[in-house]
Every structure is written in C-alpha cells, then in structure tokens.
C-alpha cells in the first residue's frame, strides 16, 4: 500500500480479518492515504463487509462495491500499475507478478465487474 497509484482489489473481509486485526488494516489503509493512493475494492459479501463499509474515515480514498452473493473466494487479488499480487488465506502465501500485459488483463476484468455492479 506504499504507493501513490490506484490499487484495484478483490477483497475478502471475512478471511482477511480472521488473520489480521483492524489496527493492521487501518495502518495499511492510512499508508495508502498518506502517499496519495486510491483503493477500489470489490468485496465479498459478508457481515464483515457491512461493518467495514460503515467506517467513514476511508471514504475519500477507498471506493467499494459488494460482489454478488455467490461470488466467494479465499484469496485477495491486488492490481497496482504493472504488478498483481495474489494472496492465499488458506496457505498464507503470496505471489506477485510484474508484467504489464497480465496486469492490464486483470484490471480490465476488474473494471468490467465494477461497471456491472450498481
């Protein structure tokens, strides 16, 4: 999150907050904010997602849409510039790929889903 760029993320709050605290999440988000970045989240629907959307302090730099009920996953996917990161909550591993073509494809998929959600 140490970037001034736009970050696009498929995010599973339920899985994330089983491993990380609200304080750790706040630190990540505030690092993004202080660097001038923006976060666009497509969030897995859950009670945890509803709680997170109530936090107003992030509204100026975090934009969020909730995914349909059946869209569930145990990973996060982040797209930043020419880099993507895949984070598995099942195995606690992450893979990053730095390639403009792969990042562009993932961003296009993200944007297509973003536009389809009202």
N, C-alpha and C. Protein backbone atom coordinates (compact mmCIF):
# COMPACT_ATOMS: atom_id res chain seq x y z
N UNK A 1 0.81 -1.20 0.00
CA UNK A 1 0.00 0.00 0.00
C UNK A 1 0.86 1.26 0.00
N UNK A 2 2.14 1.09 -0.06
CA UNK A 2 3.06 2.22 -0.06
C UNK A 2 3.20 2.77 -1.48
N UNK A 3 2.09 3.30 -2.01
CA UNK A 3 2.07 3.77 -3.39
C UNK A 3 1.17 4.99 -3.52
N UNK A 4 1.42 5.80 -4.52
CA UNK A 4 0.57 6.93 -4.83
C UNK A 4 -0.42 6.56 -5.95
N UNK A 5 -0.36 5.33 -6.40
CA UNK A 5 -1.18 4.89 -7.53
C UNK A 5 -2.55 4.38 -7.10
N UNK A 6 -3.36 4.08 -8.09
CA UNK A 6 -4.64 3.42 -7.84
C UNK A 6 -4.38 1.94 -7.60
N UNK A 7 -5.04 1.41 -6.59
CA UNK A 7 -4.96 -0.01 -6.25
C UNK A 7 -6.34 -0.60 -6.48
N UNK A 8 -6.39 -1.68 -7.25
CA UNK A 8 -7.65 -2.38 -7.52
C UNK A 8 -7.57 -3.71 -6.79
N UNK A 9 -8.64 -4.04 -6.06
CA UNK A 9 -8.54 -5.19 -5.17
C UNK A 9 -9.84 -6.00 -5.14
N UNK A 10 -9.70 -7.31 -5.28
CA UNK A 10 -10.77 -8.25 -4.92
C UNK A 10 -10.46 -8.61 -3.48
N UNK A 11 -11.39 -8.31 -2.57
CA UNK A 11 -11.10 -8.37 -1.14
C UNK A 11 -12.13 -9.22 -0.41
N UNK A 12 -11.65 -10.12 0.44
CA UNK A 12 -12.50 -10.97 1.27
C UNK A 12 -12.33 -10.56 2.73
N UNK A 13 -13.16 -9.63 3.23
CA UNK A 13 -13.00 -9.18 4.62
C UNK A 13 -13.12 -10.32 5.63
N UNK A 14 -14.03 -11.24 5.38
CA UNK A 14 -14.23 -12.35 6.31
C UNK A 14 -12.92 -13.12 6.50
N UNK A 15 -12.25 -13.44 5.42
CA UNK A 15 -10.99 -14.19 5.50
C UNK A 15 -9.84 -13.32 6.01
N UNK A 16 -9.78 -12.09 5.54
CA UNK A 16 -8.70 -11.18 5.94
C UNK A 16 -8.70 -10.95 7.45
N UNK A 17 -9.89 -10.67 8.02
CA UNK A 17 -9.95 -10.32 9.43
C UNK A 17 -9.91 -11.53 10.37
N UNK A 18 -9.84 -12.71 9.82
CA UNK A 18 -9.54 -13.88 10.64
C UNK A 18 -8.04 -13.95 10.94
N UNK A 19 -7.24 -13.28 10.11
CA UNK A 19 -5.79 -13.33 10.24
C UNK A 19 -5.18 -12.01 10.70
N UNK A 20 -5.81 -10.90 10.35
CA UNK A 20 -5.24 -9.59 10.62
C UNK A 20 -6.22 -8.75 11.45
N UNK A 21 -5.68 -7.84 12.24
CA UNK A 21 -6.51 -7.01 13.11
C UNK A 21 -7.01 -5.77 12.36
N UNK A 22 -7.98 -5.12 12.98
CA UNK A 22 -8.47 -3.85 12.44
C UNK A 22 -7.36 -2.81 12.46
N UNK A 23 -6.51 -2.86 13.47
CA UNK A 23 -5.40 -1.92 13.57
C UNK A 23 -4.41 -2.11 12.42
N UNK A 24 -4.12 -3.36 12.09
CA UNK A 24 -3.21 -3.64 10.97
C UNK A 24 -3.82 -3.16 9.66
N UNK A 25 -5.11 -3.39 9.49
CA UNK A 25 -5.78 -2.93 8.29
C UNK A 25 -5.77 -1.40 8.22
N UNK A 26 -6.03 -0.74 9.34
CA UNK A 26 -6.02 0.72 9.38
C UNK A 26 -4.64 1.25 9.00
N UNK A 27 -3.60 0.62 9.51
CA UNK A 27 -2.23 1.05 9.19
C UNK A 27 -1.96 0.94 7.69
N UNK A 28 -2.38 -0.15 7.08
CA UNK A 28 -2.22 -0.32 5.62
C UNK A 28 -2.97 0.77 4.86
N UNK A 29 -4.22 0.97 5.22
CA UNK A 29 -5.04 1.96 4.52
C UNK A 29 -4.51 3.38 4.70
N UNK A 30 -4.09 3.71 5.91
CA UNK A 30 -3.58 5.06 6.15
C UNK A 30 -2.24 5.28 5.45
N UNK A 31 -1.45 4.23 5.25
CA UNK A 31 -0.23 4.35 4.45
C UNK A 31 -0.58 4.72 3.03
N UNK A 32 -1.58 4.06 2.46
CA UNK A 32 -2.04 4.39 1.12
C UNK A 32 -2.51 5.84 1.06
N UNK A 33 -3.31 6.25 2.03
CA UNK A 33 -3.84 7.61 2.07
C UNK A 33 -2.72 8.65 2.13
N UNK A 34 -1.75 8.44 3.01
CA UNK A 34 -0.65 9.40 3.18
C UNK A 34 0.20 9.52 1.93
N UNK A 35 0.24 8.48 1.10
CA UNK A 35 1.02 8.52 -0.13
C UNK A 35 0.20 9.03 -1.32
N UNK A 36 -1.06 9.33 -1.11
CA UNK A 36 -1.90 9.86 -2.18
C UNK A 36 -2.52 8.81 -3.07
N UNK A 37 -2.57 7.56 -2.62
CA UNK A 37 -3.15 6.49 -3.43
C UNK A 37 -4.67 6.41 -3.26
N UNK A 38 -5.28 5.64 -4.12
CA UNK A 38 -6.71 5.36 -4.08
C UNK A 38 -6.90 3.86 -4.11
N UNK A 39 -7.92 3.37 -3.43
CA UNK A 39 -8.22 1.95 -3.39
C UNK A 39 -9.63 1.71 -3.91
N UNK A 40 -9.73 0.83 -4.90
CA UNK A 40 -11.02 0.41 -5.44
C UNK A 40 -11.20 -1.06 -5.06
N UNK A 41 -12.19 -1.34 -4.23
CA UNK A 41 -12.43 -2.68 -3.70
C UNK A 41 -13.68 -3.31 -4.28
N UNK A 42 -13.55 -4.53 -4.73
CA UNK A 42 -14.70 -5.38 -4.98
C UNK A 42 -14.69 -6.37 -3.84
N UNK A 43 -15.70 -6.28 -2.96
CA UNK A 43 -15.68 -7.01 -1.71
C UNK A 43 -16.67 -8.17 -1.72
N UNK A 44 -16.19 -9.29 -1.21
CA UNK A 44 -17.05 -10.44 -0.99
C UNK A 44 -18.14 -10.07 0.02
N UNK A 45 -19.37 -10.41 -0.28
CA UNK A 45 -20.49 -10.08 0.60
C UNK A 45 -20.41 -10.89 1.89
N UNK A 46 -20.52 -10.16 3.03
CA UNK A 46 -20.50 -10.80 4.35
C UNK A 46 -20.91 -9.77 5.39
N UNK A 47 -21.18 -10.24 6.59
CA UNK A 47 -21.45 -9.32 7.70
C UNK A 47 -20.23 -8.43 7.95
N UNK A 48 -19.05 -9.01 7.80
CA UNK A 48 -17.81 -8.26 7.99
C UNK A 48 -17.70 -7.13 6.97
N UNK A 49 -18.11 -7.37 5.75
CA UNK A 49 -18.08 -6.34 4.71
C UNK A 49 -19.00 -5.19 5.10
N UNK A 50 -20.18 -5.51 5.60
CA UNK A 50 -21.13 -4.47 6.02
C UNK A 50 -20.53 -3.60 7.13
N UNK A 51 -19.83 -4.21 8.08
CA UNK A 51 -19.18 -3.45 9.16
C UNK A 51 -18.13 -2.50 8.60
N UNK A 52 -17.33 -2.99 7.67
CA UNK A 52 -16.24 -2.19 7.12
C UNK A 52 -16.76 -0.99 6.34
N UNK A 53 -17.89 -1.14 5.69
CA UNK A 53 -18.44 -0.05 4.91
C UNK A 53 -18.98 1.09 5.78
N UNK A 54 -19.16 0.84 7.05
CA UNK A 54 -19.66 1.86 7.97
C UNK A 54 -18.57 2.84 8.41
N UNK A 55 -17.31 2.52 8.15
CA UNK A 55 -16.20 3.36 8.59
C UNK A 55 -16.02 4.50 7.60
N UNK A 56 -16.38 5.70 8.03
CA UNK A 56 -16.42 6.87 7.15
C UNK A 56 -15.04 7.48 6.88
N UNK A 57 -14.06 7.25 7.74
CA UNK A 57 -12.77 7.92 7.58
C UNK A 57 -12.04 7.51 6.29
N UNK A 58 -12.43 6.40 5.70
CA UNK A 58 -11.78 5.93 4.48
C UNK A 58 -12.49 6.38 3.20
N UNK A 59 -13.65 6.99 3.32
CA UNK A 59 -14.49 7.28 2.15
C UNK A 59 -13.82 8.15 1.08
N UNK A 60 -12.88 8.99 1.45
CA UNK A 60 -12.28 9.89 0.46
C UNK A 60 -11.28 9.19 -0.46
N UNK A 61 -10.76 8.03 -0.03
CA UNK A 61 -9.74 7.36 -0.84
C UNK A 61 -10.00 5.87 -1.05
N UNK A 62 -11.09 5.35 -0.49
CA UNK A 62 -11.46 3.95 -0.70
C UNK A 62 -12.86 3.91 -1.29
N UNK A 63 -12.98 3.32 -2.47
CA UNK A 63 -14.27 3.15 -3.14
C UNK A 63 -14.57 1.66 -3.17
N UNK A 64 -15.79 1.31 -2.80
CA UNK A 64 -16.11 -0.11 -2.61
C UNK A 64 -17.44 -0.47 -3.23
N UNK A 65 -17.48 -1.65 -3.82
CA UNK A 65 -18.72 -2.26 -4.28
C UNK A 65 -18.75 -3.70 -3.77
N UNK A 66 -19.95 -4.16 -3.42
CA UNK A 66 -20.13 -5.50 -2.89
C UNK A 66 -20.43 -6.46 -4.04
N UNK A 67 -19.74 -7.57 -4.08
CA UNK A 67 -19.94 -8.59 -5.10
C UNK A 67 -21.23 -9.38 -4.83
N UNK A 68 -21.78 -10.02 -5.85
CA UNK A 68 -23.00 -10.83 -5.65
C UNK A 68 -22.76 -11.96 -4.65
N UNK A 69 -23.85 -12.46 -4.07
CA UNK A 69 -23.80 -13.50 -3.02
C UNK A 69 -22.92 -14.68 -3.36
N UNK A 70 -23.03 -15.21 -4.55
CA UNK A 70 -22.33 -16.46 -4.91
C UNK A 70 -20.85 -16.25 -5.27
N UNK A 71 -20.39 -15.02 -5.31
CA UNK A 71 -19.00 -14.71 -5.66
C UNK A 71 -18.17 -14.77 -4.38
N UNK A 72 -17.63 -15.95 -4.08
CA UNK A 72 -16.84 -16.14 -2.86
C UNK A 72 -15.43 -16.61 -3.21
N UNK A 73 -14.49 -16.31 -2.33
CA UNK A 73 -13.09 -16.67 -2.59
C UNK A 73 -12.29 -16.61 -1.30
N UNK A 74 -11.16 -17.31 -1.27
CA UNK A 74 -10.26 -17.34 -0.11
C UNK A 74 -8.94 -16.65 -0.40
N UNK A 75 -8.97 -15.73 -1.33
CA UNK A 75 -7.75 -15.01 -1.71
C UNK A 75 -8.06 -13.54 -1.85
N UNK A 76 -7.03 -12.75 -1.87
CA UNK A 76 -7.14 -11.36 -2.31
C UNK A 76 -6.33 -11.24 -3.59
N UNK A 77 -6.79 -10.37 -4.46
CA UNK A 77 -6.06 -10.05 -5.68
C UNK A 77 -5.92 -8.55 -5.72
N UNK A 78 -4.68 -8.08 -5.81
CA UNK A 78 -4.42 -6.65 -5.90
C UNK A 78 -3.74 -6.35 -7.23
N UNK A 79 -4.13 -5.24 -7.83
CA UNK A 79 -3.54 -4.79 -9.08
C UNK A 79 -3.04 -3.36 -8.85
N UNK A 80 -1.74 -3.15 -9.05
CA UNK A 80 -1.14 -1.84 -8.88
C UNK A 80 -0.17 -1.62 -10.03
N UNK A 81 -0.50 -0.69 -10.90
CA UNK A 81 0.37 -0.45 -12.05
C UNK A 81 0.55 -1.71 -12.87
N UNK A 82 1.80 -2.11 -13.08
CA UNK A 82 2.12 -3.31 -13.87
C UNK A 82 2.31 -4.56 -13.00
N UNK A 83 1.85 -4.50 -11.76
CA UNK A 83 2.05 -5.61 -10.83
C UNK A 83 0.72 -6.11 -10.29
N UNK A 84 0.61 -7.44 -10.18
CA UNK A 84 -0.52 -8.03 -9.47
C UNK A 84 0.03 -8.85 -8.31
N UNK A 85 -0.76 -8.94 -7.26
CA UNK A 85 -0.41 -9.78 -6.12
C UNK A 85 -1.60 -10.67 -5.82
N UNK A 86 -1.34 -11.95 -5.67
CA UNK A 86 -2.34 -12.93 -5.28
C UNK A 86 -1.97 -13.42 -3.89
N UNK A 87 -2.91 -13.31 -2.96
CA UNK A 87 -2.65 -13.68 -1.57
C UNK A 87 -3.63 -14.76 -1.17
N UNK A 88 -3.12 -15.93 -0.79
CA UNK A 88 -3.96 -17.05 -0.37
C UNK A 88 -4.09 -17.04 1.14
N UNK A 89 -5.33 -16.99 1.62
CA UNK A 89 -5.56 -17.07 3.06
C UNK A 89 -5.52 -18.52 3.54
N UNK A 90 -5.72 -19.46 2.64
CA UNK A 90 -5.66 -20.87 3.01
C UNK A 90 -4.24 -21.30 3.38
N UNK A 91 -3.26 -20.83 2.61
CA UNK A 91 -1.87 -21.27 2.78
C UNK A 91 -0.94 -20.17 3.28
N UNK A 92 -1.48 -18.96 3.44
CA UNK A 92 -0.67 -17.81 3.85
C UNK A 92 0.55 -17.62 2.96
N UNK A 93 0.30 -17.67 1.66
CA UNK A 93 1.36 -17.39 0.70
C UNK A 93 0.88 -16.29 -0.24
N UNK A 94 1.84 -15.62 -0.84
CA UNK A 94 1.53 -14.57 -1.81
C UNK A 94 2.44 -14.74 -3.01
N UNK A 95 1.91 -14.38 -4.16
CA UNK A 95 2.67 -14.41 -5.40
C UNK A 95 2.49 -13.04 -6.05
N UNK A 96 3.58 -12.45 -6.49
CA UNK A 96 3.48 -11.21 -7.25
C UNK A 96 3.97 -11.47 -8.67
N UNK A 97 3.32 -10.81 -9.59
CA UNK A 97 3.71 -10.90 -11.00
C UNK A 97 3.84 -9.48 -11.51
N UNK A 98 4.98 -9.15 -12.05
CA UNK A 98 5.18 -7.84 -12.63
C UNK A 98 5.25 -7.99 -14.14
N UNK A 99 4.12 -7.69 -14.78
CA UNK A 99 4.03 -7.81 -16.23
C UNK A 99 2.86 -6.92 -16.68
N UNK A 100 3.14 -5.99 -17.57
CA UNK A 100 2.12 -5.03 -17.99
C UNK A 100 0.91 -5.71 -18.64
N UNK A 101 1.13 -6.73 -19.46
CA UNK A 101 0.02 -7.39 -20.15
C UNK A 101 -0.89 -8.14 -19.18
N UNK A 102 -0.30 -8.85 -18.23
CA UNK A 102 -1.09 -9.59 -17.24
C UNK A 102 -1.85 -8.62 -16.34
N UNK A 103 -1.18 -7.56 -15.89
CA UNK A 103 -1.85 -6.57 -15.04
C UNK A 103 -2.98 -5.88 -15.80
N UNK A 104 -2.77 -5.57 -17.05
CA UNK A 104 -3.82 -4.93 -17.87
C UNK A 104 -5.04 -5.84 -18.01
N UNK A 105 -4.82 -7.13 -18.24
CA UNK A 105 -5.93 -8.08 -18.33
C UNK A 105 -6.70 -8.12 -17.02
N UNK A 106 -6.01 -8.24 -15.89
CA UNK A 106 -6.67 -8.29 -14.59
C UNK A 106 -7.43 -7.00 -14.31
N UNK A 107 -6.85 -5.87 -14.67
CA UNK A 107 -7.53 -4.58 -14.47
C UNK A 107 -8.77 -4.50 -15.34
N UNK A 108 -8.70 -4.97 -16.57
CA UNK A 108 -9.87 -4.97 -17.45
C UNK A 108 -11.00 -5.84 -16.87
N UNK A 109 -10.65 -6.99 -16.33
CA UNK A 109 -11.65 -7.86 -15.69
C UNK A 109 -12.26 -7.15 -14.49
N UNK A 110 -11.40 -6.54 -13.67
CA UNK A 110 -11.88 -5.79 -12.51
C UNK A 110 -12.86 -4.70 -12.95
N UNK A 111 -12.46 -3.91 -13.93
CA UNK A 111 -13.31 -2.79 -14.38
C UNK A 111 -14.63 -3.26 -14.97
N UNK A 112 -14.61 -4.38 -15.69
CA UNK A 112 -15.84 -4.92 -16.25
C UNK A 112 -16.81 -5.31 -15.12
N UNK A 113 -16.28 -5.96 -14.09
CA UNK A 113 -17.14 -6.34 -12.96
C UNK A 113 -17.59 -5.08 -12.21
N UNK A 114 -16.68 -4.14 -11.99
CA UNK A 114 -17.02 -2.89 -11.28
C UNK A 114 -18.20 -2.19 -11.97
N UNK A 115 -18.12 -2.06 -13.29
CA UNK A 115 -19.18 -1.36 -14.04
C UNK A 115 -20.49 -2.11 -14.02
N UNK A 116 -20.46 -3.42 -13.84
CA UNK A 116 -21.69 -4.20 -13.86
C UNK A 116 -22.45 -4.18 -12.53
N UNK A 117 -21.79 -3.70 -11.48
CA UNK A 117 -22.42 -3.64 -10.15
C UNK A 117 -22.93 -2.22 -9.91
N UNK A 118 -24.17 -2.13 -9.57
CA UNK A 118 -24.77 -0.80 -9.30
C UNK A 118 -24.48 -0.32 -7.93
